C-alpha atoms as a PDB file:
ATOM      1  CA  MET A   1     102.462 112.641 126.061  1.00  0.00           C
ATOM      2  CA  LYS A   2     105.213 111.744 123.615  1.00  0.00           C
ATOM      3  CA  PHE A   3     105.244 107.957 123.910  1.00  0.00           C
ATOM      4  CA  GLY A   4     102.235 105.747 124.237  1.00  0.00           C
ATOM      5  CA  PHE A   5      99.103 104.311 122.771  1.00  0.00           C
ATOM      6  CA  PHE A   6      97.118 107.541 123.191  1.00  0.00           C
ATOM      7  CA  SER A   7      99.894 109.919 122.094  1.00  0.00           C
ATOM      8  CA  SER A   8      99.059 112.888 119.854  1.00  0.00           C
ATOM      9  CA  ASP A   9     102.600 113.981 118.934  1.00  0.00           C
ATOM     10  CA  TYR A  10     102.998 114.619 115.193  1.00  0.00           C
ATOM     11  CA  SER A  11     106.704 115.516 114.974  1.00  0.00           C
ATOM     12  CA  ASP A  12     107.555 112.439 112.880  1.00  0.00           C
ATOM     13  CA  GLN A  13     105.302 113.271 109.941  1.00  0.00           C
ATOM     14  CA  GLY A  14     107.347 112.904 106.782  1.00  0.00           C
ATOM     15  CA  THR A  15     107.289 113.679 103.115  1.00  0.00           C
ATOM     16  CA  THR A  16     108.035 111.464 100.186  1.00  0.00           C
ATOM     17  CA  ASP A  17     111.321 109.590 100.064  1.00  0.00           C
ATOM     18  CA  ASP A  18     112.639 109.758  96.527  1.00  0.00           C
ATOM     19  CA  GLY A  19     115.600 107.450  97.159  1.00  0.00           C
ATOM     20  CA  SER A  20     113.904 104.320  98.429  1.00  0.00           C
ATOM     21  CA  TRP A  21     112.344 103.208  95.154  1.00  0.00           C
ATOM     22  CA  LYS A  22     115.105 104.318  92.744  1.00  0.00           C
ATOM     23  CA  PHE A  23     116.460 100.762  92.691  1.00  0.00           C
ATOM     24  CA  CYS A  24     113.186  99.707  91.045  1.00  0.00           C
ATOM     25  CA  GLY A  25     113.376 102.523  88.509  1.00  0.00           C
ATOM     26  CA  LEU A  26     110.115 104.098  89.668  1.00  0.00           C
ATOM     27  CA  ASP A  27     109.675 107.843  89.308  1.00  0.00           C
ATOM     28  CA  LYS A  28     107.327 109.900  91.479  1.00  0.00           C
ATOM     29  CA  SER A  29     104.232 109.565  89.256  1.00  0.00           C
ATOM     30  CA  GLN A  30     104.727 105.799  88.901  1.00  0.00           C
ATOM     31  CA  ARG A  31     104.966 105.504  92.677  1.00  0.00           C
ATOM     32  CA  MET A  32     101.721 107.472  93.075  1.00  0.00           C
ATOM     33  CA  PHE A  33      99.984 105.075  90.670  1.00  0.00           C
ATOM     34  CA  ALA A  34     101.489 102.107  92.537  1.00  0.00           C
ATOM     35  CA  PHE A  35     100.246 103.579  95.823  1.00  0.00           C
ATOM     36  CA  GLY A  36      96.736 104.022  94.411  1.00  0.00           C
ATOM     37  CA  GLY A  37      96.746 100.557  92.867  1.00  0.00           C
ATOM     38  CA  CYS A  38      97.873  98.838  96.066  1.00  0.00           C
ATOM     39  CA  PHE A  39      95.460 100.812  98.192  1.00  0.00           C
ATOM     40  CA  VAL A  40      92.503 100.067  95.901  1.00  0.00           C
ATOM     41  CA  ALA A  41      93.507  96.389  95.593  1.00  0.00           C
ATOM     42  CA  GLY A  42      93.676  96.102  99.382  1.00  0.00           C
ATOM     43  CA  ALA A  43      90.313  97.781  99.799  1.00  0.00           C
ATOM     44  CA  LEU A  44      88.750  95.536  97.135  1.00  0.00           C
ATOM     45  CA  LEU A  45      90.129  92.435  98.839  1.00  0.00           C
ATOM     46  CA  SER A  46      88.647  93.574 102.139  1.00  0.00           C
ATOM     47  CA  ILE A  47      85.267  94.163 100.476  1.00  0.00           C
ATOM     48  CA  LEU A  48      85.474  90.848  98.597  1.00  0.00           C
ATOM     49  CA  SER A  49      86.137  89.092 101.886  1.00  0.00           C
ATOM     50  CA  THR A  50      82.751  90.301 103.112  1.00  0.00           C
ATOM     51  CA  LEU A  51      81.087  88.504 100.201  1.00  0.00           C
ATOM     52  CA  ILE A  52      82.977  85.339 101.148  1.00  0.00           C
ATOM     53  CA  LEU A  53      81.717  85.773 104.706  1.00  0.00           C
ATOM     54  CA  LEU A  54      78.139  85.642 103.387  1.00  0.00           C
ATOM     55  CA  VAL A  55      78.909  82.170 102.053  1.00  0.00           C
ATOM     56  CA  GLY A  56      80.041  81.191 105.547  1.00  0.00           C
ATOM     57  CA  ASN A  57      83.726  80.471 104.937  1.00  0.00           C
ATOM     58  CA  ILE A  58      85.254  82.185 107.981  1.00  0.00           C
ATOM     59  CA  VAL A  59      88.833  81.041 107.275  1.00  0.00           C
ATOM     60  CA  ALA A  60      88.863  82.464 103.738  1.00  0.00           C
ATOM     61  CA  PHE A  61      87.184  85.634 105.025  1.00  0.00           C
ATOM     62  CA  CYS A  62      89.839  86.272 107.676  1.00  0.00           C
ATOM     63  CA  ILE A  63      92.745  85.469 105.357  1.00  0.00           C
ATOM     64  CA  ILE A  64      91.506  87.655 102.500  1.00  0.00           C
ATOM     65  CA  TYR A  65      90.455  90.487 104.846  1.00  0.00           C
ATOM     66  CA  SER A  66      93.847  90.493 106.568  1.00  0.00           C
ATOM     67  CA  CYS A  67      95.713  90.311 103.250  1.00  0.00           C
ATOM     68  CA  GLY A  68      93.700  93.297 102.037  1.00  0.00           C
ATOM     69  CA  ASN A  69      94.728  95.264 105.106  1.00  0.00           C
ATOM     70  CA  ILE A  70      98.393  94.324 104.654  1.00  0.00           C
ATOM     71  CA  ILE A  71      98.358  95.357 100.982  1.00  0.00           C
ATOM     72  CA  SER A  72      96.679  98.670 101.845  1.00  0.00           C
ATOM     73  CA  LEU A  73      99.254  99.275 104.566  1.00  0.00           C
ATOM     74  CA  PHE A  74     102.092  98.405 102.180  1.00  0.00           C
ATOM     75  CA  SER A  75     100.801 100.936  99.645  1.00  0.00           C
ATOM     76  CA  LEU A  76     102.155 103.805 101.728  1.00  0.00           C
ATOM     77  CA  THR A  77     105.713 102.562 101.145  1.00  0.00           C
ATOM     78  CA  PHE A  78     105.451 103.714  97.533  1.00  0.00           C
ATOM     79  CA  ILE A  79     105.010 107.285  98.763  1.00  0.00           C
ATOM     80  CA  ILE A  80     107.381 107.491 101.710  1.00  0.00           C
ATOM     81  CA  GLY A  81     109.698 104.532 101.101  1.00  0.00           C
ATOM     82  CA  ILE A  82     110.258 101.309 103.006  1.00  0.00           C
ATOM     83  CA  PRO A  83     112.771 102.594 105.595  1.00  0.00           C
ATOM     84  CA  LYS A  84     110.649 105.654 106.373  1.00  0.00           C
ATOM     85  CA  GLN A  85     107.503 103.500 106.581  1.00  0.00           C
ATOM     86  CA  ILE A  86     109.101 101.211 109.143  1.00  0.00           C
ATOM     87  CA  LYS A  87     110.537 104.184 111.038  1.00  0.00           C
ATOM     88  CA  THR A  88     107.175 105.965 111.191  1.00  0.00           C
ATOM     89  CA  MET A  89     105.274 102.785 112.048  1.00  0.00           C
ATOM     90  CA  PHE A  90     107.423 102.229 115.110  1.00  0.00           C
ATOM     91  CA  ALA A  91     107.866 105.886 116.079  1.00  0.00           C
ATOM     92  CA  PRO A  92     106.963 106.557 119.727  1.00  0.00           C
ATOM     93  CA  VAL A  93     103.685 108.242 118.746  1.00  0.00           C
ATOM     94  CA  ARG A  94     102.326 105.074 117.145  1.00  0.00           C
ATOM     95  CA  PHE A  95     104.488 102.272 118.543  1.00  0.00           C
ATOM     96  CA  TRP A  96     101.755 100.644 120.637  1.00  0.00           C
ATOM     97  CA  ALA A  97      99.117 101.170 117.950  1.00  0.00           C
ATOM     98  CA  THR A  98     101.384  99.395 115.446  1.00  0.00           C
ATOM     99  CA  VAL A  99     102.194  96.535 117.802  1.00  0.00           C
ATOM    100  CA  THR A 100      98.516  96.140 118.745  1.00  0.00           C
ATOM    101  CA  TYR A 101      97.456  96.113 115.097  1.00  0.00           C
ATOM    102  CA  ILE A 102     100.112  93.561 114.068  1.00  0.00           C
ATOM    103  CA  VAL A 103      99.312  91.298 117.031  1.00  0.00           C
ATOM    104  CA  LEU A 104      95.588  91.451 116.216  1.00  0.00           C
ATOM    105  CA  LEU A 105      96.301  90.719 112.563  1.00  0.00           C
ATOM    106  CA  ILE A 106      98.292  87.612 113.499  1.00  0.00           C
ATOM    107  CA  LEU A 107      95.796  86.588 116.185  1.00  0.00           C
ATOM    108  CA  THR A 108      92.879  86.934 113.760  1.00  0.00           C
ATOM    109  CA  LEU A 109      94.589  84.717 111.205  1.00  0.00           C
ATOM    110  CA  ALA A 110      95.711  82.150 113.781  1.00  0.00           C
ATOM    111  CA  MET A 111      92.354  81.866 115.547  1.00  0.00           C
ATOM    112  CA  SER A 112      90.360  81.645 112.330  1.00  0.00           C
ATOM    113  CA  ILE A 113      92.643  79.034 110.763  1.00  0.00           C
ATOM    114  CA  TRP A 114      93.104  76.798 113.818  1.00  0.00           C
ATOM    115  CA  LEU A 115      89.929  77.230 115.820  1.00  0.00           C
ATOM    116  CA  LYS A 116      87.540  78.044 112.950  1.00  0.00           C
ATOM    117  CA  ASN A 117      85.303  79.752 115.501  1.00  0.00           C
ATOM    118  CA  PHE A 118      82.955  82.086 113.634  1.00  0.00           C
ATOM    119  CA  ALA A 119      82.017  84.366 116.548  1.00  0.00           C
ATOM    120  CA  LEU A 120      85.591  84.747 117.816  1.00  0.00           C
ATOM    121  CA  SER A 121      86.867  85.475 114.312  1.00  0.00           C
ATOM    122  CA  ILE A 122      84.256  88.188 113.765  1.00  0.00           C
ATOM    123  CA  VAL A 123      85.103  89.793 117.118  1.00  0.00           C
ATOM    124  CA  LEU A 124      88.826  89.726 116.283  1.00  0.00           C
ATOM    125  CA  VAL A 125      88.219  91.227 112.833  1.00  0.00           C
ATOM    126  CA  CYS A 126      86.203  94.048 114.424  1.00  0.00           C
ATOM    127  CA  ILE A 127      88.951  94.729 116.973  1.00  0.00           C
ATOM    128  CA  GLN A 128      91.561  94.502 114.202  1.00  0.00           C
ATOM    129  CA  PHE A 129      89.601  97.107 112.219  1.00  0.00           C
ATOM    130  CA  ALA A 130      89.415  99.388 115.264  1.00  0.00           C
ATOM    131  CA  ALA A 131      93.185  99.021 115.761  1.00  0.00           C
ATOM    132  CA  LEU A 132      93.742  99.896 112.096  1.00  0.00           C
ATOM    133  CA  VAL A 133      91.565 103.006 112.439  1.00  0.00           C
ATOM    134  CA  TRP A 134      93.470 104.054 115.582  1.00  0.00           C
ATOM    135  CA  TYR A 135      96.821 103.425 113.858  1.00  0.00           C
ATOM    136  CA  SER A 136      95.721 105.364 110.761  1.00  0.00           C
ATOM    137  CA  ALA A 137      94.433 108.254 112.850  1.00  0.00           C
ATOM    138  CA  SER A 138      97.954 108.746 114.197  1.00  0.00           C
ATOM    139  CA  TYR A 139      98.969 109.982 110.724  1.00  0.00           C
ATOM    140  CA  ILE A 140      96.242 112.654 110.718  1.00  0.00           C
ATOM    141  CA  PRO A 141      96.927 115.712 112.852  1.00  0.00           C
ATOM    142  CA  TYR A 142      94.478 115.559 115.767  1.00  0.00           C
ATOM    143  CA  GLY A 143      92.958 112.391 114.270  1.00  0.00           C
ATOM    144  CA  ARG A 144      93.091 110.487 117.533  1.00  0.00           C
ATOM    145  CA  GLU A 145      91.764 113.482 119.428  1.00  0.00           C
ATOM    146  CA  ILE A 146      88.759 113.633 117.078  1.00  0.00           C
ATOM    147  CA  ILE A 147      88.062 109.923 117.670  1.00  0.00           C
ATOM    148  CA  ARG A 148      88.392 110.357 121.445  1.00  0.00           C
ATOM    149  CA  ARG A 149      86.009 113.308 121.476  1.00  0.00           C
ATOM    150  CA  PHE A 150      83.482 111.562 119.227  1.00  0.00           C
ATOM    151  CA  PHE A 151      83.308 108.436 121.372  1.00  0.00           C
ATOM    152  CA  GLY A 152      83.477 110.510 124.542  1.00  0.00           C
ATOM    153  CA  SER A 153      80.405 112.440 123.442  1.00  0.00           C
ATOM    154  CA  CYS A 154      78.665 109.185 122.518  1.00  0.00           C
ATOM    155  CA  VAL A 155      79.307 107.777 125.994  1.00  0.00           C
ATOM    156  CA  THR A 156      78.187 110.938 127.797  1.00  0.00           C
ATOM    157  CA  SER A 157      74.994 111.151 125.732  1.00  0.00           C
ATOM    158  CA  ILE A 158      73.856 107.682 126.862  1.00  0.00           C
END
């Protein structure tokens, strides 16, 4: 299946785009450091948000957790470039995974800020995380297939 949420087509996998960041004066090694820095900063924000959750501030938790995910996602642009990132995000193989993830990101923020419902926010964060894992697995050859088989074996073993 070439187009869809469960697609396993990997024809759009790309390499680094050296032209996208030349306007900033970044060479390849600087972009690798920027990628690592953004990715680590995003991961740290997501972990820090868990500590804020222990205090009970659900709004701050959801905002910081979602910002951490956005920063981690943005980190890939330093390697492949902004145009290629957008192109690969909305390629047929991961179109619905991208849309689902973005909608859940927005929904998580909106529901936590306006409704301030702890249980709903936690459920949305968990679904948002699952959507991020599914989206990320589309970049790994057979990543989605591995996830399907793992959960399929979990269901059949029950």
